Protein backbone atom coordinates (compact mmCIF):
# COMPACT_ATOMS: atom_id res chain seq x y z
CA MET A 1 -19.05 73.58 -6.82
CA ARG A 2 -20.72 71.04 -4.56
CA PHE A 3 -21.27 67.44 -5.63
CA GLY A 4 -23.15 64.67 -3.86
CA PHE A 5 -22.95 60.97 -4.75
CA ARG A 6 -25.79 58.58 -3.93
CA VAL A 7 -24.29 55.12 -4.35
CA ASP A 8 -24.12 51.82 -2.45
CA ALA A 9 -21.95 48.73 -2.17
CA SER A 10 -22.80 45.28 -0.80
CA VAL A 11 -21.99 41.64 -1.46
CA GLN A 12 -24.98 41.54 -3.79
CA MET A 13 -24.19 44.79 -5.62
CA GLY A 14 -20.43 44.48 -5.50
CA SER A 15 -18.08 47.43 -5.06
CA GLY A 16 -17.84 48.59 -8.67
CA HIS A 17 -20.43 51.36 -8.37
CA ILE A 18 -18.62 53.04 -5.48
CA MET A 19 -15.21 52.56 -7.08
CA ARG A 20 -16.18 54.32 -10.31
CA CYS A 21 -17.87 57.09 -8.32
CA LEU A 22 -14.66 57.53 -6.31
CA THR A 23 -12.73 57.81 -9.57
CA LEU A 24 -15.03 60.60 -10.71
CA ALA A 25 -14.97 62.23 -7.25
CA ASP A 26 -11.16 62.27 -7.18
CA GLN A 27 -11.03 64.13 -10.49
CA LEU A 28 -13.70 66.60 -9.37
CA LYS A 29 -11.78 67.19 -6.15
CA LYS A 30 -8.64 68.01 -8.15
CA ASN A 31 -10.73 70.67 -9.89
CA GLY A 32 -11.58 72.23 -6.52
CA ALA A 33 -15.00 70.69 -6.01
CA ASP A 34 -16.56 69.96 -2.62
CA VAL A 35 -17.65 66.29 -2.66
CA GLN A 36 -19.63 64.13 -0.26
CA PHE A 37 -21.14 60.64 -0.39
CA PHE A 38 -24.53 59.33 0.71
CA CYS A 39 -24.48 55.54 1.22
CA ARG A 40 -26.70 53.01 2.92
CA ASN A 41 -24.57 51.42 5.65
CA PHE A 42 -24.18 47.98 4.03
CA GLN A 43 -20.45 47.39 3.78
CA ASP A 44 -17.90 48.61 6.32
CA GLN A 45 -14.83 48.22 4.11
CA MET A 46 -16.23 50.47 1.38
CA ASN A 47 -17.17 53.05 4.00
CA ALA A 48 -13.55 53.05 5.12
CA ILE A 49 -12.28 53.55 1.56
CA VAL A 50 -14.55 56.56 1.04
CA LYS A 51 -13.29 58.12 4.27
CA GLU A 52 -9.66 57.31 3.47
CA ARG A 53 -10.02 59.25 0.22
CA GLY A 54 -10.93 62.29 2.30
CA TYR A 55 -14.65 62.56 1.59
CA LYS A 56 -17.48 63.29 3.97
CA LEU A 57 -19.54 60.10 4.24
CA ASN A 58 -23.20 60.35 5.19
CA LEU A 59 -24.34 56.88 6.25
CA LEU A 60 -28.00 56.07 5.78
CA VAL A 61 -29.21 53.61 8.44
CA VAL A 62 -30.02 50.04 7.41
CA PRO A 63 -33.56 49.26 8.61
CA SER A 64 -33.97 46.65 11.34
CA GLU A 65 -36.86 45.00 9.51
CA LYS A 66 -36.45 43.38 6.10
CA TYR A 67 -37.93 45.44 3.27
CA GLU A 68 -40.79 43.72 1.47
CA GLU A 69 -40.94 44.88 -2.14
CA THR A 70 -44.26 45.42 -3.87
CA LYS A 71 -45.23 43.60 -7.04
CA ASP A 72 -45.33 46.75 -9.16
CA GLU A 73 -41.70 47.75 -8.48
CA PHE A 74 -38.97 47.38 -11.10
CA PRO A 75 -36.48 44.48 -10.68
CA TYR A 76 -33.67 46.26 -8.81
CA ALA A 77 -35.83 48.42 -6.50
CA LYS A 78 -35.19 45.95 -3.66
CA TRP A 79 -31.49 46.88 -3.67
CA LEU A 80 -32.37 50.04 -1.71
CA GLU A 81 -33.65 47.84 1.17
CA VAL A 82 -36.22 50.58 1.85
CA THR A 83 -38.93 52.28 -0.18
CA TRP A 84 -37.74 54.93 -2.62
CA GLN A 85 -39.63 57.53 -0.56
CA LYS A 86 -37.72 56.54 2.58
CA ASP A 87 -34.42 56.53 0.74
CA VAL A 88 -34.79 59.98 -0.77
CA GLU A 89 -35.98 61.45 2.53
CA ASP A 90 -33.02 59.91 4.34
CA THR A 91 -30.70 61.44 1.76
CA ILE A 92 -32.32 64.88 2.01
CA ASN A 93 -32.15 64.78 5.80
CA ALA A 94 -28.46 63.88 5.63
CA MET A 95 -27.85 66.84 3.32
CA GLY A 96 -29.28 69.26 5.84
CA ARG A 97 -29.37 72.80 4.50
CA GLU A 98 -26.60 72.27 1.97
CA VAL A 99 -27.70 72.52 -1.66
CA CYS A 100 -25.64 70.52 -4.15
CA ASP A 101 -24.90 71.83 -7.61
CA TRP A 102 -24.97 68.21 -8.77
CA MET A 103 -26.35 65.03 -7.26
CA ILE A 104 -24.77 62.03 -9.01
CA ILE A 105 -26.70 58.78 -8.65
CA ASP A 106 -25.18 55.39 -9.45
CA HIS A 107 -27.83 52.95 -8.27
CA TYR A 108 -30.03 50.47 -10.13
CA GLY A 109 -32.63 50.77 -7.37
CA ILE A 110 -33.39 54.45 -8.02
CA ASP A 111 -35.66 55.82 -10.76
CA TYR A 112 -37.38 59.05 -11.85
CA ARG A 113 -39.59 59.31 -8.75
CA TRP A 114 -36.54 59.64 -6.48
CA HIS A 115 -34.98 62.13 -8.89
CA LYS A 116 -38.09 64.33 -9.01
CA ARG A 117 -38.27 64.49 -5.21
CA MET A 118 -34.59 65.45 -5.04
CA ARG A 119 -35.05 68.34 -7.49
CA ASP A 120 -35.90 70.76 -4.66
CA CYS A 121 -32.48 70.20 -3.06
CA VAL A 122 -30.09 70.17 -6.03
CA GLU A 123 -29.46 72.23 -9.13
CA LYS A 124 -28.74 69.33 -11.49
CA ILE A 125 -28.91 65.54 -11.49
CA MET A 126 -26.56 63.10 -13.18
CA VAL A 127 -27.29 59.39 -13.44
CA ILE A 128 -24.72 56.65 -14.11
CA ASP A 129 -26.50 53.65 -15.60
CA ASP A 130 -25.98 50.71 -17.92
CA LEU A 131 -29.37 49.03 -17.85
CA ALA A 132 -31.63 51.38 -19.83
CA ASP A 133 -34.58 49.68 -18.16
CA ARG A 134 -36.49 52.40 -16.27
CA GLN A 135 -37.62 56.04 -16.37
CA LEU A 136 -34.99 58.56 -15.23
CA ASP A 137 -35.32 62.29 -14.55
CA CYS A 138 -31.81 63.64 -15.04
CA ASP A 139 -29.89 66.40 -16.79
CA LEU A 140 -26.87 64.28 -17.69
CA LEU A 141 -26.75 60.52 -18.20
CA LEU A 142 -23.62 58.40 -18.49
CA ASP A 143 -23.78 54.86 -19.84
CA GLN A 144 -20.34 53.34 -20.47
CA THR A 145 -21.68 50.38 -22.48
CA TYR A 146 -19.79 50.08 -25.75
CA GLY A 147 -22.06 50.69 -28.70
CA ARG A 148 -24.96 51.99 -26.62
CA GLU A 149 -27.37 53.84 -28.95
CA VAL A 150 -29.32 57.01 -28.18
CA ASP A 151 -32.54 55.17 -28.98
CA SER A 152 -32.05 53.01 -25.88
CA TYR A 153 -32.86 56.03 -23.70
CA HIS A 154 -35.15 57.93 -26.08
CA SER A 155 -38.32 57.27 -24.05
CA LEU A 156 -36.62 57.00 -20.64
CA VAL A 157 -35.12 60.48 -20.06
CA PRO A 158 -36.29 64.09 -20.56
CA ASP A 159 -35.80 65.56 -24.04
CA GLN A 160 -33.18 68.01 -22.74
CA CYS A 161 -31.08 65.32 -21.04
CA ASP A 162 -27.46 65.30 -22.21
CA LEU A 163 -26.52 61.70 -23.09
CA LYS A 164 -22.91 60.54 -22.78
CA LEU A 165 -22.88 57.01 -24.15
CA GLY A 166 -20.16 54.48 -24.81
CA SER A 167 -16.74 53.45 -23.53
CA HIS A 168 -15.33 56.78 -24.74
CA TYR A 169 -16.68 58.04 -21.39
CA ALA A 170 -15.60 55.11 -19.20
CA LEU A 171 -14.67 56.29 -15.70
CA LEU A 172 -11.10 55.09 -15.26
CA ARG A 173 -8.48 56.30 -12.83
CA PRO A 174 -5.81 58.54 -14.41
CA GLU A 175 -3.06 55.92 -14.11
CA PHE A 176 -4.67 53.96 -16.94
CA ALA A 177 -4.25 56.83 -19.38
CA LYS A 178 -0.70 57.38 -18.09
CA LEU A 179 0.26 53.76 -18.74
CA ARG A 180 -1.54 53.43 -22.07
CA LEU A 181 1.31 54.31 -24.46
CA MET A 182 3.76 52.14 -22.51
CA ALA A 183 1.26 49.27 -22.62
CA LEU A 184 0.79 49.59 -26.38
CA GLU A 185 4.56 49.46 -26.85
CA LYS A 186 4.91 46.50 -24.46
CA ARG A 187 2.26 44.49 -26.32
CA LEU A 188 4.31 44.79 -29.54
CA SER A 189 7.05 42.62 -28.01
CA PHE A 190 4.65 39.84 -26.95
CA LYS A 191 6.30 36.41 -26.85
CA GLY A 192 3.57 34.24 -25.46
CA VAL A 193 1.17 34.20 -22.49
CA GLN A 194 3.34 34.11 -19.40
CA ARG A 195 1.24 36.07 -16.89
CA VAL A 196 -2.53 35.70 -16.39
CA LEU A 197 -4.80 38.01 -14.39
CA ILE A 198 -8.00 36.70 -12.77
CA PHE A 199 -10.44 39.31 -11.48
CA MET A 200 -14.07 38.28 -11.07
CA GLY A 201 -15.09 41.33 -9.06
CA GLY A 202 -14.14 42.52 -5.62
CA SER A 203 -16.39 40.13 -3.68
CA ASP A 204 -16.96 37.15 -6.03
CA PRO A 205 -19.68 35.72 -3.72
CA ASP A 206 -20.12 32.54 -5.80
CA ASN A 207 -16.38 31.80 -5.79
CA ILE A 208 -16.09 31.65 -9.57
CA THR A 209 -12.37 32.28 -9.02
CA GLY A 210 -11.95 28.95 -7.23
CA LYS A 211 -13.55 27.09 -10.14
CA ILE A 212 -11.29 28.92 -12.60
CA LEU A 213 -8.16 28.00 -10.66
CA GLY A 214 -9.16 24.36 -10.69
CA GLY A 215 -9.74 24.55 -14.44
CA LEU A 216 -6.37 26.16 -15.12
CA THR A 217 -4.59 23.01 -13.91
CA LYS A 218 -5.99 21.20 -16.98
CA VAL A 219 -4.71 23.73 -19.53
CA ASN A 220 -1.82 22.69 -21.76
CA TRP A 221 0.31 25.77 -21.13
CA LYS A 222 3.08 26.54 -23.63
CA HIS A 223 5.06 28.51 -21.04
CA SER A 224 5.46 28.50 -17.29
CA VAL A 225 2.81 30.99 -16.16
CA ILE A 226 2.31 33.30 -13.20
CA ILE A 227 -1.32 33.74 -12.18
CA ASP A 228 -2.39 36.89 -10.32
CA VAL A 229 -5.75 36.62 -8.54
CA VAL A 230 -7.23 39.97 -7.45
CA LEU A 231 -9.90 40.13 -4.74
CA GLY A 232 -11.36 42.67 -2.36
CA LEU A 233 -9.97 42.61 1.15
CA HIS A 234 -13.24 41.23 2.57
CA ALA A 235 -14.20 38.81 -0.22
CA PRO A 236 -16.08 35.92 1.46
CA HIS A 237 -13.93 33.13 -0.05
CA ILE A 238 -10.54 34.73 0.27
CA GLN A 239 -9.16 32.29 2.86
CA SER A 240 -10.18 29.18 0.92
CA LEU A 241 -8.68 30.68 -2.25
CA LYS A 242 -5.38 31.30 -0.50
CA GLU A 243 -5.33 27.67 0.65
CA GLN A 244 -6.27 26.47 -2.84
CA ALA A 245 -3.49 28.58 -4.37
CA VAL A 246 -0.89 26.92 -2.15
CA ASN A 247 -2.09 23.41 -2.97
CA LEU A 248 -2.39 23.71 -6.75
CA PRO A 249 0.57 22.96 -9.08
CA LEU A 250 0.57 26.53 -10.40
CA ASN A 251 2.42 29.73 -9.51
CA ILE A 252 -0.47 31.73 -8.01
CA ASN A 253 -0.42 35.11 -6.28
CA VAL A 254 -3.56 36.11 -4.36
CA LEU A 255 -3.65 39.91 -4.21
CA THR A 256 -6.06 41.81 -1.94
CA ASN A 257 -6.84 45.48 -1.42
CA VAL A 258 -5.04 46.29 -4.69
CA ASP A 259 -4.49 50.02 -5.24
CA ASN A 260 -2.38 49.65 -8.40
CA MET A 261 -4.76 47.80 -10.69
CA ALA A 262 -3.39 49.56 -13.76
CA ALA A 263 0.07 48.15 -13.05
CA VAL A 264 -1.35 44.64 -12.51
CA ILE A 265 -3.18 44.81 -15.85
CA PHE A 266 -0.07 46.25 -17.52
CA ASP A 267 1.99 43.25 -16.39
CA ALA A 268 -0.54 40.64 -17.58
CA ASP A 269 -0.61 38.98 -20.99
CA LEU A 270 -4.16 37.65 -20.67
CA ALA A 271 -7.09 38.39 -18.38
CA ILE A 272 -9.93 36.22 -17.15
CA GLY A 273 -12.65 38.51 -15.86
CA ALA A 274 -16.26 39.55 -15.69
CA GLY A 275 -18.13 41.66 -18.21
CA GLY A 276 -18.54 44.78 -16.09
CA ALA A 277 -16.62 48.05 -15.80
CA SER A 278 -13.26 46.28 -15.48
CA CYS A 279 -13.56 45.55 -19.22
CA TRP A 280 -12.66 49.16 -19.96
CA GLU A 281 -9.61 49.02 -17.70
CA ARG A 282 -8.32 46.02 -19.63
CA CYS A 283 -9.14 47.56 -23.01
CA SER A 284 -7.38 50.82 -22.20
CA LEU A 285 -4.16 48.83 -21.70
CA ALA A 286 -4.78 46.58 -24.72
CA LEU A 287 -5.14 43.37 -22.71
CA PRO A 288 -7.01 40.45 -24.35
CA SER A 289 -9.78 39.07 -22.14
CA LEU A 290 -11.73 35.89 -21.57
CA ILE A 291 -15.04 37.07 -20.17
CA ALA A 292 -17.72 35.42 -18.05
CA ILE A 293 -21.13 37.08 -17.94
CA LEU A 294 -22.01 37.21 -14.23
CA ALA A 295 -25.07 39.49 -14.47
CA ASP A 296 -27.59 40.50 -17.12
CA ASN A 297 -26.22 44.05 -17.26
CA GLN A 298 -22.84 42.66 -18.37
CA ARG A 299 -24.21 40.82 -21.39
CA ALA A 300 -24.15 43.73 -23.86
CA ASN A 301 -20.57 44.65 -22.97
CA ALA A 302 -19.29 41.09 -23.21
CA CYS A 303 -21.06 40.26 -26.46
CA ASN A 304 -19.93 43.51 -28.10
CA LEU A 305 -16.31 42.89 -27.12
CA GLU A 306 -16.48 39.36 -28.50
CA ARG A 307 -18.07 40.61 -31.72
CA LEU A 308 -15.16 43.04 -32.14
CA ASP A 309 -12.59 40.28 -31.43
CA ALA A 310 -11.34 42.04 -28.28
CA ALA A 311 -12.48 39.19 -26.04
CA ILE A 312 -13.85 35.66 -25.93
CA VAL A 313 -16.96 34.89 -23.87
CA TRP A 314 -16.99 31.59 -21.95
CA ASN A 315 -19.85 29.89 -20.12
CA ASP A 316 -18.23 26.96 -18.31
CA ILE A 317 -14.78 25.79 -17.24
CA GLU A 318 -14.32 23.44 -20.20
CA GLN A 319 -15.12 26.30 -22.57
CA LEU A 320 -12.65 28.48 -20.67
CA LYS A 321 -9.93 25.85 -21.15
CA VAL A 322 -10.60 25.74 -24.90
CA SER A 323 -10.56 29.56 -25.08
CA ILE A 324 -7.24 29.80 -23.24
CA GLU A 325 -5.64 27.22 -25.50
CA THR A 326 -7.01 29.02 -28.58
CA VAL A 327 -5.17 32.17 -27.49
CA ILE A 328 -1.93 30.65 -26.22
CA ASN A 329 -1.52 28.52 -29.35
CA SER A 330 -1.92 31.41 -31.78
CA ASN A 331 0.07 34.63 -31.49
CA ASP A 332 -1.99 35.96 -34.40
CA LYS A 333 -5.17 35.53 -32.36
CA TRP A 334 -3.60 37.27 -29.37
CA PHE A 335 -2.44 40.24 -31.47
CA GLU A 336 -5.87 40.49 -33.08
CA MET A 337 -7.51 40.65 -29.65
CA GLN A 338 -5.09 43.19 -28.13
CA GLY A 339 -5.39 45.48 -31.15
CA ALA A 340 -9.18 45.37 -31.03
CA ALA A 341 -9.19 46.01 -27.28
CA ALA A 342 -6.93 49.05 -27.63
CA ASN A 343 -9.39 50.67 -30.05
CA ILE A 344 -12.31 50.45 -27.63
CA CYS A 345 -11.19 52.67 -24.74
CA ASP A 346 -8.38 55.23 -24.34
CA GLY A 347 -8.70 55.80 -20.58
CA LEU A 348 -9.64 59.49 -20.81
CA GLY A 349 -13.38 59.17 -20.18
CA CYS A 350 -13.31 60.53 -16.64
CA SER A 351 -11.65 63.76 -17.76
CA ARG A 352 -14.31 64.17 -20.42
CA ILE A 353 -17.14 63.76 -17.89
CA VAL A 354 -15.52 66.14 -15.38
CA ASN A 355 -15.28 68.76 -18.09
CA GLU A 356 -18.98 68.31 -18.86
CA LEU A 357 -19.92 68.70 -15.21
CA VAL A 358 -17.89 71.78 -14.40
CA THR A 359 -18.83 73.61 -17.61
CA HIS A 360 -22.51 72.59 -17.77
CA ASP A 361 -24.94 75.41 -18.54
CA PHE A 362 -27.27 75.81 -15.52
CA ARG A 363 -29.87 77.83 -17.36
């Protein structure tokens, strides 16, 4: 079977969309699928990662003139940097005469009009979304948001669209499922927060990480802690963060280009992170989280996790300090959070989606 992925990465969009698509692509490839990517040429480092994984990468040219969005477009349409008509035609031209069995689209800037135009060149269309804010013309829709209800998409997708909703279908790399039982056993022997993970996304353009590190110096820690900061290799503030880490009175490791995120999460006792897809990685390994909402599409995830006692949402550094001290001063609170997190995601979502794709009825 042939699969195409239309997905982008940039400082504005982050790298999460491409990373979860690569996770799905890797599993499809193991099942013998032919996979290729179609990406606007925004970010060189993500292009390199796609190629390193062994996939054909079709780069769509970034226009020389800035795209001026029209007033009647939906909020994220500008993320394409071209009109939807131009984008779909560029994608079709890059495909050439090859017809894909599935085109998988993970892009907030694409809606039903793009999908309809692509219908002539593909058998089926899958959309990965977590906004539920626009019309989509797809055969399969994946929304990893915990607690997402069918009614959210009732008027947005065709009646025959197969909806896969919730963190049960979260696209995680297989090492998370492999480490899950060991993580659950490890959490049982918890003796206090001694290792903290900070991951505010691969690029963290607003340097939230730097503010967090400054705030951590004011926490009344019960134990000597190791702090692991994870960033993308080309994060804009990486050099200043490395300098800050050296100068602060804390034991801080700045980790870049991490390819063993499951192991890093496994080692941690507490995470400080964003409310996006990395939530499911932490939940699969039963790691309590302190979550900052960095974008509107993260709000539902973060609030649901807090409601279930799997996480605490913080809005400013003082609130983060209070949240950390709430957890480190109460083992009961920590165990409540790790148990709730473990019940939210088991790490097997990618296998479930792959099975749906390769067995889907094409009639």
